[in-house]
Full PDB file with SEQRES, HELIX, SHEET, SSBOND, CRYST1, ORIGX, SCALE, CONECT and MASTER records, all heavy atoms in Angstrom:
SEQRES   1 A   42  GLY VAL THR GLU LYS LEU ILE PHE SER VAL LYS ASN PRO          
SEQRES   2 A   42  ALA TYR SER THR LEU PRO PRO GLU GLY VAL PHE THR ASN          
SEQRES   3 A   42  THR LEU GLY LEU LEU ILE LEU VAL PHE GLY ALA LEU ILE          
SEQRES   4 A   42  PHE TRP ILE                                                  
HELIX    1 AA1 VAL A    2  SER A    9  1                                   8    
HELIX    2 AA2 TYR A   15  THR A   17  5                                   3    
HELIX    3 AA3 PRO A   20  TRP A   41  1                                  22    
CRYST1    1.000    1.000    1.000  90.00  90.00  90.00 P 1           1          
ORIGX1      1.000000  0.000000  0.000000        0.00000                         
ORIGX2      0.000000  1.000000  0.000000        0.00000                         
ORIGX3      0.000000  0.000000  1.000000        0.00000                         
SCALE1      1.000000  0.000000  0.000000        0.00000                         
SCALE2      0.000000  1.000000  0.000000        0.00000                         
SCALE3      0.000000  0.000000  1.000000        0.00000                         
ATOM      1  N   GLY A   1     -14.126 -39.281 -29.914  1.00  0.00           N  
ATOM      2  CA  GLY A   1     -14.817 -38.177 -30.590  1.00  0.00           C  
ATOM      3  C   GLY A   1     -14.244 -37.890 -31.893  1.00  0.00           C  
ATOM      4  O   GLY A   1     -14.881 -37.647 -32.937  1.00  0.00           O  
ATOM      5  N   VAL A   2     -12.815 -37.956 -32.058  1.00  0.00           N  
ATOM      6  CA  VAL A   2     -12.174 -37.707 -33.358  1.00  0.00           C  
ATOM      7  C   VAL A   2     -12.550 -38.791 -34.337  1.00  0.00           C  
ATOM      8  O   VAL A   2     -12.931 -38.514 -35.531  1.00  0.00           O  
ATOM      9  CB  VAL A   2     -10.684 -37.720 -33.113  1.00  0.00           C  
ATOM     10  CG1 VAL A   2      -9.883 -37.761 -34.469  1.00  0.00           C  
ATOM     11  CG2 VAL A   2     -10.200 -36.459 -32.389  1.00  0.00           C  
ATOM     12  N   THR A   3     -12.541 -40.066 -33.920  1.00  0.00           N  
ATOM     13  CA  THR A   3     -12.972 -41.162 -34.806  1.00  0.00           C  
ATOM     14  C   THR A   3     -14.451 -41.012 -35.199  1.00  0.00           C  
ATOM     15  O   THR A   3     -14.756 -41.153 -36.416  1.00  0.00           O  
ATOM     16  CB  THR A   3     -12.759 -42.498 -34.161  1.00  0.00           C  
ATOM     17  OG1 THR A   3     -11.372 -42.565 -33.770  1.00  0.00           O  
ATOM     18  CG2 THR A   3     -13.058 -43.667 -35.104  1.00  0.00           C  
ATOM     19  N   GLU A   4     -15.263 -40.676 -34.285  1.00  0.00           N  
ATOM     20  CA  GLU A   4     -16.708 -40.560 -34.609  1.00  0.00           C  
ATOM     21  C   GLU A   4     -16.960 -39.480 -35.583  1.00  0.00           C  
ATOM     22  O   GLU A   4     -17.732 -39.583 -36.529  1.00  0.00           O  
ATOM     23  CB  GLU A   4     -17.471 -40.327 -33.261  1.00  0.00           C  
ATOM     24  CG  GLU A   4     -18.938 -40.128 -33.370  1.00  0.00           C  
ATOM     25  CD  GLU A   4     -19.635 -39.888 -32.075  1.00  0.00           C  
ATOM     26  OE1 GLU A   4     -19.687 -40.815 -31.268  1.00  0.00           O  
ATOM     27  OE2 GLU A   4     -20.059 -38.694 -31.870  1.00  0.00           O  
ATOM     28  N   LYS A   5     -16.208 -38.344 -35.455  1.00  0.00           N  
ATOM     29  CA  LYS A   5     -16.443 -37.191 -36.375  1.00  0.00           C  
ATOM     30  C   LYS A   5     -15.934 -37.533 -37.752  1.00  0.00           C  
ATOM     31  O   LYS A   5     -16.635 -37.251 -38.716  1.00  0.00           O  
ATOM     32  CB  LYS A   5     -15.637 -36.023 -35.839  1.00  0.00           C  
ATOM     33  CG  LYS A   5     -15.838 -34.748 -36.730  1.00  0.00           C  
ATOM     34  CD  LYS A   5     -17.265 -34.277 -36.833  1.00  0.00           C  
ATOM     35  CE  LYS A   5     -17.380 -33.068 -37.626  1.00  0.00           C  
ATOM     36  NZ  LYS A   5     -18.804 -32.600 -37.790  1.00  0.00           N  
ATOM     37  N   LEU A   6     -14.861 -38.274 -37.885  1.00  0.00           N  
ATOM     38  CA  LEU A   6     -14.374 -38.682 -39.218  1.00  0.00           C  
ATOM     39  C   LEU A   6     -15.352 -39.588 -39.834  1.00  0.00           C  
ATOM     40  O   LEU A   6     -15.491 -39.508 -41.035  1.00  0.00           O  
ATOM     41  CB  LEU A   6     -12.975 -39.307 -39.024  1.00  0.00           C  
ATOM     42  CG  LEU A   6     -11.816 -38.351 -38.659  1.00  0.00           C  
ATOM     43  CD1 LEU A   6     -10.559 -39.092 -38.402  1.00  0.00           C  
ATOM     44  CD2 LEU A   6     -11.636 -37.324 -39.749  1.00  0.00           C  
ATOM     45  N   ILE A   7     -15.886 -40.552 -39.083  1.00  0.00           N  
ATOM     46  CA  ILE A   7     -16.802 -41.519 -39.740  1.00  0.00           C  
ATOM     47  C   ILE A   7     -17.990 -40.901 -40.266  1.00  0.00           C  
ATOM     48  O   ILE A   7     -18.509 -41.176 -41.351  1.00  0.00           O  
ATOM     49  CB  ILE A   7     -17.112 -42.560 -38.714  1.00  0.00           C  
ATOM     50  CG1 ILE A   7     -15.924 -43.452 -38.439  1.00  0.00           C  
ATOM     51  CG2 ILE A   7     -18.248 -43.508 -39.173  1.00  0.00           C  
ATOM     52  CD1 ILE A   7     -16.113 -44.528 -37.303  1.00  0.00           C  
ATOM     53  N   PHE A   8     -18.530 -39.859 -39.540  1.00  0.00           N  
ATOM     54  CA  PHE A   8     -19.768 -39.187 -39.870  1.00  0.00           C  
ATOM     55  C   PHE A   8     -19.518 -38.171 -40.961  1.00  0.00           C  
ATOM     56  O   PHE A   8     -20.465 -37.974 -41.805  1.00  0.00           O  
ATOM     57  CB  PHE A   8     -20.353 -38.420 -38.660  1.00  0.00           C  
ATOM     58  CG  PHE A   8     -20.924 -39.363 -37.638  1.00  0.00           C  
ATOM     59  CD1 PHE A   8     -21.169 -38.879 -36.344  1.00  0.00           C  
ATOM     60  CD2 PHE A   8     -21.261 -40.704 -37.958  1.00  0.00           C  
ATOM     61  CE1 PHE A   8     -21.799 -39.725 -35.356  1.00  0.00           C  
ATOM     62  CE2 PHE A   8     -21.799 -41.491 -36.994  1.00  0.00           C  
ATOM     63  CZ  PHE A   8     -22.083 -41.034 -35.745  1.00  0.00           C  
ATOM     64  N   SER A   9     -18.342 -37.594 -41.112  1.00  0.00           N  
ATOM     65  CA  SER A   9     -18.159 -36.355 -41.907  1.00  0.00           C  
ATOM     66  C   SER A   9     -17.335 -36.687 -43.143  1.00  0.00           C  
ATOM     67  O   SER A   9     -17.639 -36.034 -44.246  1.00  0.00           O  
ATOM     68  CB  SER A   9     -17.440 -35.290 -41.190  1.00  0.00           C  
ATOM     69  OG  SER A   9     -18.236 -34.857 -40.059  1.00  0.00           O  
ATOM     70  N   VAL A  10     -16.382 -37.592 -43.142  1.00  0.00           N  
ATOM     71  CA  VAL A  10     -15.565 -37.870 -44.276  1.00  0.00           C  
ATOM     72  C   VAL A  10     -16.248 -38.910 -45.222  1.00  0.00           C  
ATOM     73  O   VAL A  10     -16.222 -40.086 -44.920  1.00  0.00           O  
ATOM     74  CB  VAL A  10     -14.186 -38.335 -43.894  1.00  0.00           C  
ATOM     75  CG1 VAL A  10     -13.265 -38.605 -45.149  1.00  0.00           C  
ATOM     76  CG2 VAL A  10     -13.515 -37.294 -42.938  1.00  0.00           C  
ATOM     77  N   LYS A  11     -16.874 -38.435 -46.276  1.00  0.00           N  
ATOM     78  CA  LYS A  11     -17.617 -39.313 -47.128  1.00  0.00           C  
ATOM     79  C   LYS A  11     -17.068 -39.447 -48.528  1.00  0.00           C  
ATOM     80  O   LYS A  11     -17.190 -40.471 -49.173  1.00  0.00           O  
ATOM     81  CB  LYS A  11     -19.086 -38.817 -47.238  1.00  0.00           C  
ATOM     82  CG  LYS A  11     -19.831 -38.729 -45.944  1.00  0.00           C  
ATOM     83  CD  LYS A  11     -20.095 -40.090 -45.352  1.00  0.00           C  
ATOM     84  CE  LYS A  11     -20.926 -39.997 -44.019  1.00  0.00           C  
ATOM     85  NZ  LYS A  11     -21.157 -41.358 -43.440  1.00  0.00           N  
ATOM     86  N   ASN A  12     -16.519 -38.358 -49.110  1.00  0.00           N  
ATOM     87  CA  ASN A  12     -16.083 -38.418 -50.466  1.00  0.00           C  
ATOM     88  C   ASN A  12     -14.723 -37.660 -50.621  1.00  0.00           C  
ATOM     89  O   ASN A  12     -14.647 -36.397 -50.624  1.00  0.00           O  
ATOM     90  CB  ASN A  12     -17.154 -37.694 -51.369  1.00  0.00           C  
ATOM     91  CG  ASN A  12     -16.809 -37.904 -52.762  1.00  0.00           C  
ATOM     92  OD1 ASN A  12     -16.102 -38.804 -53.257  1.00  0.00           O  
ATOM     93  ND2 ASN A  12     -17.292 -36.949 -53.609  1.00  0.00           N  
ATOM     94  N   PRO A  13     -13.604 -38.409 -50.640  1.00  0.00           N  
ATOM     95  CA  PRO A  13     -13.603 -39.884 -50.522  1.00  0.00           C  
ATOM     96  C   PRO A  13     -13.832 -40.406 -49.130  1.00  0.00           C  
ATOM     97  O   PRO A  13     -13.760 -39.670 -48.154  1.00  0.00           O  
ATOM     98  CB  PRO A  13     -12.139 -40.222 -50.958  1.00  0.00           C  
ATOM     99  CG  PRO A  13     -11.389 -38.966 -50.532  1.00  0.00           C  
ATOM    100  CD  PRO A  13     -12.286 -37.853 -50.704  1.00  0.00           C  
ATOM    101  N   ALA A  14     -14.153 -41.675 -49.063  1.00  0.00           N  
ATOM    102  CA  ALA A  14     -14.513 -42.259 -47.830  1.00  0.00           C  
ATOM    103  C   ALA A  14     -13.362 -42.334 -46.871  1.00  0.00           C  
ATOM    104  O   ALA A  14     -12.195 -42.455 -47.221  1.00  0.00           O  
ATOM    105  CB  ALA A  14     -15.130 -43.696 -48.030  1.00  0.00           C  
ATOM    106  N   TYR A  15     -13.700 -42.330 -45.573  1.00  0.00           N  
ATOM    107  CA  TYR A  15     -12.643 -42.427 -44.543  1.00  0.00           C  
ATOM    108  C   TYR A  15     -11.851 -43.721 -44.670  1.00  0.00           C  
ATOM    109  O   TYR A  15     -10.682 -43.710 -44.345  1.00  0.00           O  
ATOM    110  CB  TYR A  15     -13.362 -42.315 -43.169  1.00  0.00           C  
ATOM    111  CG  TYR A  15     -12.428 -42.427 -41.973  1.00  0.00           C  
ATOM    112  CD1 TYR A  15     -11.201 -41.798 -41.926  1.00  0.00           C  
ATOM    113  CD2 TYR A  15     -12.833 -43.118 -40.825  1.00  0.00           C  
ATOM    114  CE1 TYR A  15     -10.374 -41.851 -40.846  1.00  0.00           C  
ATOM    115  CE2 TYR A  15     -11.946 -43.193 -39.751  1.00  0.00           C  
ATOM    116  CZ  TYR A  15     -10.811 -42.566 -39.721  1.00  0.00           C  
ATOM    117  OH  TYR A  15      -9.956 -42.677 -38.665  1.00  0.00           O  
ATOM    118  N   SER A  16     -12.464 -44.806 -45.138  1.00  0.00           N  
ATOM    119  CA  SER A  16     -11.779 -46.082 -45.244  1.00  0.00           C  
ATOM    120  C   SER A  16     -10.714 -46.087 -46.323  1.00  0.00           C  
ATOM    121  O   SER A  16      -9.865 -46.977 -46.347  1.00  0.00           O  
ATOM    122  CB  SER A  16     -12.806 -47.168 -45.483  1.00  0.00           C  
ATOM    123  OG  SER A  16     -13.527 -46.871 -46.783  1.00  0.00           O  
ATOM    124  N   THR A  17     -10.750 -45.080 -47.171  1.00  0.00           N  
ATOM    125  CA  THR A  17      -9.722 -45.042 -48.200  1.00  0.00           C  
ATOM    126  C   THR A  17      -8.480 -44.204 -47.847  1.00  0.00           C  
ATOM    127  O   THR A  17      -7.655 -43.957 -48.717  1.00  0.00           O  
ATOM    128  CB  THR A  17     -10.384 -44.418 -49.504  1.00  0.00           C  
ATOM    129  OG1 THR A  17     -10.766 -43.090 -49.253  1.00  0.00           O  
ATOM    130  CG2 THR A  17     -11.510 -45.284 -50.019  1.00  0.00           C  
ATOM    131  N   LEU A  18      -8.399 -43.807 -46.611  1.00  0.00           N  
ATOM    132  CA  LEU A  18      -7.351 -43.031 -46.080  1.00  0.00           C  
ATOM    133  C   LEU A  18      -7.068 -41.657 -46.850  1.00  0.00           C  
ATOM    134  O   LEU A  18      -6.023 -41.469 -47.396  1.00  0.00           O  
ATOM    135  CB  LEU A  18      -5.973 -43.805 -46.107  1.00  0.00           C  
ATOM    136  CG  LEU A  18      -5.891 -44.935 -45.030  1.00  0.00           C  
ATOM    137  CD1 LEU A  18      -4.538 -45.711 -45.250  1.00  0.00           C  
ATOM    138  CD2 LEU A  18      -6.042 -44.435 -43.668  1.00  0.00           C  
ATOM    139  N   PRO A  19      -8.123 -40.792 -46.872  1.00  0.00           N  
ATOM    140  CA  PRO A  19      -7.929 -39.452 -47.451  1.00  0.00           C  
ATOM    141  C   PRO A  19      -7.051 -38.654 -46.627  1.00  0.00           C  
ATOM    142  O   PRO A  19      -6.727 -38.937 -45.495  1.00  0.00           O  
ATOM    143  CB  PRO A  19      -9.355 -38.967 -47.520  1.00  0.00           C  
ATOM    144  CG  PRO A  19     -10.020 -39.603 -46.354  1.00  0.00           C  
ATOM    145  CD  PRO A  19      -9.438 -40.990 -46.225  1.00  0.00           C  
ATOM    146  N   PRO A  20      -6.518 -37.494 -47.182  1.00  0.00           N  
ATOM    147  CA  PRO A  20      -5.651 -36.652 -46.465  1.00  0.00           C  
ATOM    148  C   PRO A  20      -6.161 -36.213 -45.132  1.00  0.00           C  
ATOM    149  O   PRO A  20      -5.414 -36.159 -44.097  1.00  0.00           O  
ATOM    150  CB  PRO A  20      -5.417 -35.510 -47.426  1.00  0.00           C  
ATOM    151  CG  PRO A  20      -5.664 -36.068 -48.781  1.00  0.00           C  
ATOM    152  CD  PRO A  20      -6.766 -37.109 -48.617  1.00  0.00           C  
ATOM    153  N   GLU A  21      -7.489 -35.853 -45.081  1.00  0.00           N  
ATOM    154  CA  GLU A  21      -8.047 -35.406 -43.822  1.00  0.00           C  
ATOM    155  C   GLU A  21      -8.045 -36.567 -42.766  1.00  0.00           C  
ATOM    156  O   GLU A  21      -7.803 -36.354 -41.571  1.00  0.00           O  
ATOM    157  CB  GLU A  21      -9.476 -34.960 -44.011  1.00  0.00           C  
ATOM    158  CG  GLU A  21     -10.114 -34.477 -42.713  1.00  0.00           C  
ATOM    159  CD  GLU A  21     -11.600 -34.036 -42.852  1.00  0.00           C  
ATOM    160  OE1 GLU A  21     -12.018 -34.036 -44.004  1.00  0.00           O  
ATOM    161  OE2 GLU A  21     -12.197 -33.643 -41.831  1.00  0.00           O  
ATOM    162  N   GLY A  22      -8.367 -37.781 -43.248  1.00  0.00           N  
ATOM    163  CA  GLY A  22      -8.311 -38.911 -42.277  1.00  0.00           C  
ATOM    164  C   GLY A  22      -6.969 -39.144 -41.734  1.00  0.00           C  
ATOM    165  O   GLY A  22      -6.759 -39.393 -40.535  1.00  0.00           O  
ATOM    166  N   VAL A  23      -5.938 -39.066 -42.614  1.00  0.00           N  
ATOM    167  CA  VAL A  23      -4.544 -39.339 -42.231  1.00  0.00           C  
ATOM    168  C   VAL A  23      -4.105 -38.205 -41.232  1.00  0.00           C  
ATOM    169  O   VAL A  23      -3.490 -38.455 -40.175  1.00  0.00           O  
ATOM    170  CB  VAL A  23      -3.591 -39.396 -43.399  1.00  0.00           C  
ATOM    171  CG1 VAL A  23      -2.113 -39.576 -42.892  1.00  0.00           C  
ATOM    172  CG2 VAL A  23      -3.888 -40.678 -44.261  1.00  0.00           C  
ATOM    173  N   PHE A  24      -4.455 -37.053 -41.630  1.00  0.00           N  
ATOM    174  CA  PHE A  24      -4.026 -35.888 -40.712  1.00  0.00           C  
ATOM    175  C   PHE A  24      -4.699 -35.976 -39.350  1.00  0.00           C  
ATOM    176  O   PHE A  24      -4.071 -35.766 -38.339  1.00  0.00           O  
ATOM    177  CB  PHE A  24      -4.398 -34.580 -41.391  1.00  0.00           C  
ATOM    178  CG  PHE A  24      -4.046 -33.324 -40.623  1.00  0.00           C  
ATOM    179  CD1 PHE A  24      -2.729 -32.852 -40.818  1.00  0.00           C  
ATOM    180  CD2 PHE A  24      -4.990 -32.674 -39.811  1.00  0.00           C  
ATOM    181  CE1 PHE A  24      -2.419 -31.607 -40.132  1.00  0.00           C  
ATOM    182  CE2 PHE A  24      -4.583 -31.588 -39.118  1.00  0.00           C  
ATOM    183  CZ  PHE A  24      -3.249 -31.024 -39.300  1.00  0.00           C  
ATOM    184  N   THR A  25      -5.943 -36.272 -39.309  1.00  0.00           N  
ATOM    185  CA  THR A  25      -6.672 -36.304 -38.042  1.00  0.00           C  
ATOM    186  C   THR A  25      -6.265 -37.590 -37.185  1.00  0.00           C  
ATOM    187  O   THR A  25      -6.249 -37.478 -35.997  1.00  0.00           O  
ATOM    188  CB  THR A  25      -8.182 -36.251 -38.212  1.00  0.00           C  
ATOM    189  OG1 THR A  25      -8.427 -35.239 -39.197  1.00  0.00           O  
ATOM    190  CG2 THR A  25      -8.969 -35.915 -36.943  1.00  0.00           C  
ATOM    191  N   ASN A  26      -5.996 -38.594 -37.853  1.00  0.00           N  
ATOM    192  CA  ASN A  26      -5.454 -39.827 -37.161  1.00  0.00           C  
ATOM    193  C   ASN A  26      -4.113 -39.440 -36.441  1.00  0.00           C  
ATOM    194  O   ASN A  26      -3.832 -39.878 -35.388  1.00  0.00           O  
ATOM    195  CB  ASN A  26      -5.256 -40.956 -38.109  1.00  0.00           C  
ATOM    196  CG  ASN A  26      -6.533 -41.661 -38.451  1.00  0.00           C  
ATOM    197  OD1 ASN A  26      -7.604 -41.427 -37.912  1.00  0.00           O  
ATOM    198  ND2 ASN A  26      -6.392 -42.540 -39.519  1.00  0.00           N  
ATOM    199  N   THR A  27      -3.341 -38.652 -37.152  1.00  0.00           N  
ATOM    200  CA  THR A  27      -2.001 -38.164 -36.557  1.00  0.00           C  
ATOM    201  C   THR A  27      -2.358 -37.300 -35.331  1.00  0.00           C  
ATOM    202  O   THR A  27      -1.585 -37.400 -34.324  1.00  0.00           O  
ATOM    203  CB  THR A  27      -1.259 -37.341 -37.626  1.00  0.00           C  
ATOM    204  OG1 THR A  27      -1.065 -38.168 -38.773  1.00  0.00           O  
ATOM    205  CG2 THR A  27       0.060 -36.949 -37.020  1.00  0.00           C  
ATOM    206  N   LEU A  28      -3.363 -36.452 -35.391  1.00  0.00           N  
ATOM    207  CA  LEU A  28      -3.869 -35.666 -34.211  1.00  0.00           C  
ATOM    208  C   LEU A  28      -4.149 -36.620 -33.094  1.00  0.00           C  
ATOM    209  O   LEU A  28      -3.780 -36.321 -31.856  1.00  0.00           O  
ATOM    210  CB  LEU A  28      -5.049 -34.807 -34.615  1.00  0.00           C  
ATOM    211  CG  LEU A  28      -5.789 -34.206 -33.459  1.00  0.00           C  
ATOM    212  CD1 LEU A  28      -4.944 -33.258 -32.702  1.00  0.00           C  
ATOM    213  CD2 LEU A  28      -7.045 -33.514 -33.911  1.00  0.00           C  
ATOM    214  N   GLY A  29      -4.863 -37.716 -33.318  1.00  0.00           N  
ATOM    215  CA  GLY A  29      -5.178 -38.656 -32.265  1.00  0.00           C  
ATOM    216  C   GLY A  29      -3.944 -39.261 -31.686  1.00  0.00           C  
ATOM    217  O   GLY A  29      -3.936 -39.435 -30.418  1.00  0.00           O  
ATOM    218  N   LEU A  30      -2.947 -39.588 -32.453  1.00  0.00           N  
ATOM    219  CA  LEU A  30      -1.747 -40.112 -31.925  1.00  0.00           C  
ATOM    220  C   LEU A  30      -0.968 -39.040 -31.024  1.00  0.00           C  
ATOM    221  O   LEU A  30      -0.406 -39.425 -30.011  1.00  0.00           O  
ATOM    222  CB  LEU A  30      -0.797 -40.548 -33.031  1.00  0.00           C  
ATOM    223  CG  LEU A  30      -1.258 -41.782 -33.920  1.00  0.00           C  
ATOM    224  CD1 LEU A  30      -0.310 -42.060 -35.019  1.00  0.00           C  
ATOM    225  CD2 LEU A  30      -1.313 -43.040 -32.984  1.00  0.00           C  
ATOM    226  N   LEU A  31      -1.034 -37.879 -31.415  1.00  0.00           N  
ATOM    227  CA  LEU A  31      -0.378 -36.832 -30.610  1.00  0.00           C  
ATOM    228  C   LEU A  31      -1.069 -36.684 -29.243  1.00  0.00           C  
ATOM    229  O   LEU A  31      -0.403 -36.534 -28.240  1.00  0.00           O  
ATOM    230  CB  LEU A  31      -0.486 -35.430 -31.412  1.00  0.00           C  
ATOM    231  CG  LEU A  31       0.458 -35.289 -32.600  1.00  0.00           C  
ATOM    232  CD1 LEU A  31       0.158 -33.925 -33.259  1.00  0.00           C  
ATOM    233  CD2 LEU A  31       1.910 -35.390 -32.142  1.00  0.00           C  
ATOM    234  N   ILE A  32      -2.383 -36.686 -29.273  1.00  0.00           N  
ATOM    235  CA  ILE A  32      -3.150 -36.680 -27.943  1.00  0.00           C  
ATOM    236  C   ILE A  32      -2.782 -37.818 -27.088  1.00  0.00           C  
ATOM    237  O   ILE A  32      -2.555 -37.756 -25.879  1.00  0.00           O  
ATOM    238  CB  ILE A  32      -4.667 -36.596 -28.254  1.00  0.00           C  
ATOM    239  CG1 ILE A  32      -5.005 -35.352 -28.967  1.00  0.00           C  
ATOM    240  CG2 ILE A  32      -5.512 -36.784 -27.002  1.00  0.00           C  
ATOM    241  CD1 ILE A  32      -6.523 -35.211 -29.423  1.00  0.00           C  
ATOM    242  N   LEU A  33      -2.651 -39.022 -27.726  1.00  0.00           N  
ATOM    243  CA  LEU A  33      -2.387 -40.206 -26.976  1.00  0.00           C  
ATOM    244  C   LEU A  33      -0.940 -40.102 -26.334  1.00  0.00           C  
ATOM    245  O   LEU A  33      -0.680 -40.481 -25.200  1.00  0.00           O  
ATOM    246  CB  LEU A  33      -2.484 -41.405 -27.821  1.00  0.00           C  
ATOM    247  CG  LEU A  33      -2.109 -42.803 -27.154  1.00  0.00           C  
ATOM    248  CD1 LEU A  33      -3.081 -43.082 -26.032  1.00  0.00           C  
ATOM    249  CD2 LEU A  33      -2.160 -43.922 -28.206  1.00  0.00           C  
ATOM    250  N   VAL A  34      -0.012 -39.625 -27.124  1.00  0.00           N  
ATOM    251  CA  VAL A  34       1.346 -39.564 -26.637  1.00  0.00           C  
ATOM    252  C   VAL A  34       1.501 -38.486 -25.546  1.00  0.00           C  
ATOM    253  O   VAL A  34       2.210 -38.706 -24.603  1.00  0.00           O  
ATOM    254  CB  VAL A  34       2.357 -39.154 -27.799  1.00  0.00           C  
ATOM    255  CG1 VAL A  34       3.751 -38.855 -27.322  1.00  0.00           C  
ATOM    256  CG2 VAL A  34       2.408 -40.303 -28.821  1.00  0.00           C  
ATOM    257  N   PHE A  35       0.762 -37.335 -25.751  1.00  0.00           N  
ATOM    258  CA  PHE A  35       0.810 -36.308 -24.656  1.00  0.00           C  
ATOM    259  C   PHE A  35       0.234 -36.901 -23.354  1.00  0.00           C  
ATOM    260  O   PHE A  35       0.857 -36.657 -22.299  1.00  0.00           O  
ATOM    261  CB  PHE A  35      -0.079 -35.143 -25.088  1.00  0.00           C  
ATOM    262  CG  PHE A  35      -0.261 -34.087 -24.070  1.00  0.00           C  
ATOM    263  CD1 PHE A  35       0.780 -33.250 -23.794  1.00  0.00           C  
ATOM    264  CD2 PHE A  35      -1.484 -33.972 -23.340  1.00  0.00           C  
ATOM    265  CE1 PHE A  35       0.665 -32.235 -22.817  1.00  0.00           C  
ATOM    266  CE2 PHE A  35      -1.564 -32.914 -22.364  1.00  0.00           C  
ATOM    267  CZ  PHE A  35      -0.568 -32.067 -22.058  1.00  0.00           C  
ATOM    268  N   GLY A  36      -0.860 -37.675 -23.418  1.00  0.00           N  
ATOM    269  CA  GLY A  36      -1.378 -38.231 -22.177  1.00  0.00           C  
ATOM    270  C   GLY A  36      -0.395 -39.181 -21.564  1.00  0.00           C  
ATOM    271  O   GLY A  36      -0.241 -39.265 -20.353  1.00  0.00           O  
ATOM    272  N   ALA A  37       0.356 -40.044 -22.383  1.00  0.00           N  
ATOM    273  CA  ALA A  37       1.262 -40.980 -21.849  1.00  0.00           C  
ATOM    274  C   ALA A  37       2.454 -40.282 -21.192  1.00  0.00           C  
ATOM    275  O   ALA A  37       2.929 -40.706 -20.144  1.00  0.00           O  
ATOM    276  CB  ALA A  37       1.758 -41.835 -22.988  1.00  0.00           C  
ATOM    277  N   LEU A  38       2.897 -39.127 -21.764  1.00  0.00           N  
ATOM    278  CA  LEU A  38       4.042 -38.394 -21.133  1.00  0.00           C  
ATOM    279  C   LEU A  38       3.651 -37.750 -19.820  1.00  0.00           C  
ATOM    280  O   LEU A  38       4.334 -37.787 -18.884  1.00  0.00           O  
ATOM    281  CB  LEU A  38       4.484 -37.283 -22.148  1.00  0.00           C  
ATOM    282  CG  LEU A  38       5.174 -37.752 -23.365  1.00  0.00           C  
ATOM    283  CD1 LEU A  38       5.428 -36.663 -24.348  1.00  0.00           C  
ATOM    284  CD2 LEU A  38       6.559 -38.405 -23.023  1.00  0.00           C  
ATOM    285  N   ILE A  39       2.384 -37.264 -19.759  1.00  0.00           N  
ATOM    286  CA  ILE A  39       1.902 -36.679 -18.501  1.00  0.00           C  
ATOM    287  C   ILE A  39       1.829 -37.742 -17.390  1.00  0.00           C  
ATOM    288  O   ILE A  39       2.294 -37.503 -16.258  1.00  0.00           O  
ATOM    289  CB  ILE A  39       0.568 -35.992 -18.745  1.00  0.00           C  
ATOM    290  CG1 ILE A  39       0.731 -34.757 -19.643  1.00  0.00           C  
ATOM    291  CG2 ILE A  39      -0.059 -35.542 -17.363  1.00  0.00           C  
ATOM    292  CD1 ILE A  39       1.628 -33.741 -19.087  1.00  0.00           C  
ATOM    293  N   PHE A  40       1.317 -38.879 -17.750  1.00  0.00           N  
ATOM    294  CA  PHE A  40       1.131 -39.994 -16.843  1.00  0.00           C  
ATOM    295  C   PHE A  40       2.543 -40.446 -16.319  1.00  0.00           C  
ATOM    296  O   PHE A  40       2.771 -40.733 -15.179  1.00  0.00           O  
ATOM    297  CB  PHE A  40       0.450 -41.217 -17.429  1.00  0.00           C  
ATOM    298  CG  PHE A  40      -1.037 -41.130 -17.162  1.00  0.00           C  
ATOM    299  CD1 PHE A  40      -1.837 -40.739 -18.098  1.00  0.00           C  
ATOM    300  CD2 PHE A  40      -1.550 -41.641 -15.979  1.00  0.00           C  
ATOM    301  CE1 PHE A  40      -3.245 -40.694 -17.910  1.00  0.00           C  
ATOM    302  CE2 PHE A  40      -2.885 -41.631 -15.747  1.00  0.00           C  
ATOM    303  CZ  PHE A  40      -3.751 -41.119 -16.644  1.00  0.00           C  
ATOM    304  N   TRP A  41       3.522 -40.495 -17.264  1.00  0.00           N  
ATOM    305  CA  TRP A  41       4.878 -40.884 -16.819  1.00  0.00           C  
ATOM    306  C   TRP A  41       5.550 -39.864 -15.892  1.00  0.00           C  
ATOM    307  O   TRP A  41       6.091 -40.245 -14.855  1.00  0.00           O  
ATOM    308  CB  TRP A  41       5.734 -41.165 -18.072  1.00  0.00           C  
ATOM    309  CG  TRP A  41       7.072 -41.701 -17.732  1.00  0.00           C  
ATOM    310  CD1 TRP A  41       8.319 -40.916 -17.592  1.00  0.00           C  
ATOM    311  CD2 TRP A  41       7.456 -42.982 -17.395  1.00  0.00           C  
ATOM    312  NE1 TRP A  41       9.302 -41.818 -17.214  1.00  0.00           N  
ATOM    313  CE2 TRP A  41       8.853 -43.047 -17.108  1.00  0.00           C  
ATOM    314  CE3 TRP A  41       6.745 -44.240 -17.339  1.00  0.00           C  
ATOM    315  CZ2 TRP A  41       9.508 -44.251 -16.766  1.00  0.00           C  
ATOM    316  CZ3 TRP A  41       7.412 -45.376 -17.021  1.00  0.00           C  
ATOM    317  CH2 TRP A  41       8.754 -45.405 -16.774  1.00  0.00           C  
ATOM    318  N   ILE A  42       5.389 -38.619 -16.230  1.00  0.00           N  
ATOM    319  CA  ILE A  42       5.981 -37.595 -15.350  1.00  0.00           C  
ATOM    320  C   ILE A  42       5.380 -37.607 -13.963  1.00  0.00           C  
ATOM    321  O   ILE A  42       6.068 -37.514 -12.971  1.00  0.00           O  
ATOM    322  CB  ILE A  42       5.809 -36.235 -15.988  1.00  0.00           C  
ATOM    323  CG1 ILE A  42       6.660 -36.164 -17.260  1.00  0.00           C  
ATOM    324  CG2 ILE A  42       6.233 -35.096 -15.045  1.00  0.00           C  
ATOM    325  CD1 ILE A  42       6.505 -34.886 -18.080  1.00  0.00           C  
TER     326      ILE A  42                                                      
MASTER        0    0    0    3    0    0    0    6  325    1    0    4          
END                                                                             
């Protein structure tokens, strides 16, 4: 969902150019992934 929203919404500058919103929200995705991994390990 995060990726889909960025592709649809970040147009100027384009998501492919790594704008600040894209980098920030990609970091959010990494945090969600790490949280899930920690829960699974525990």
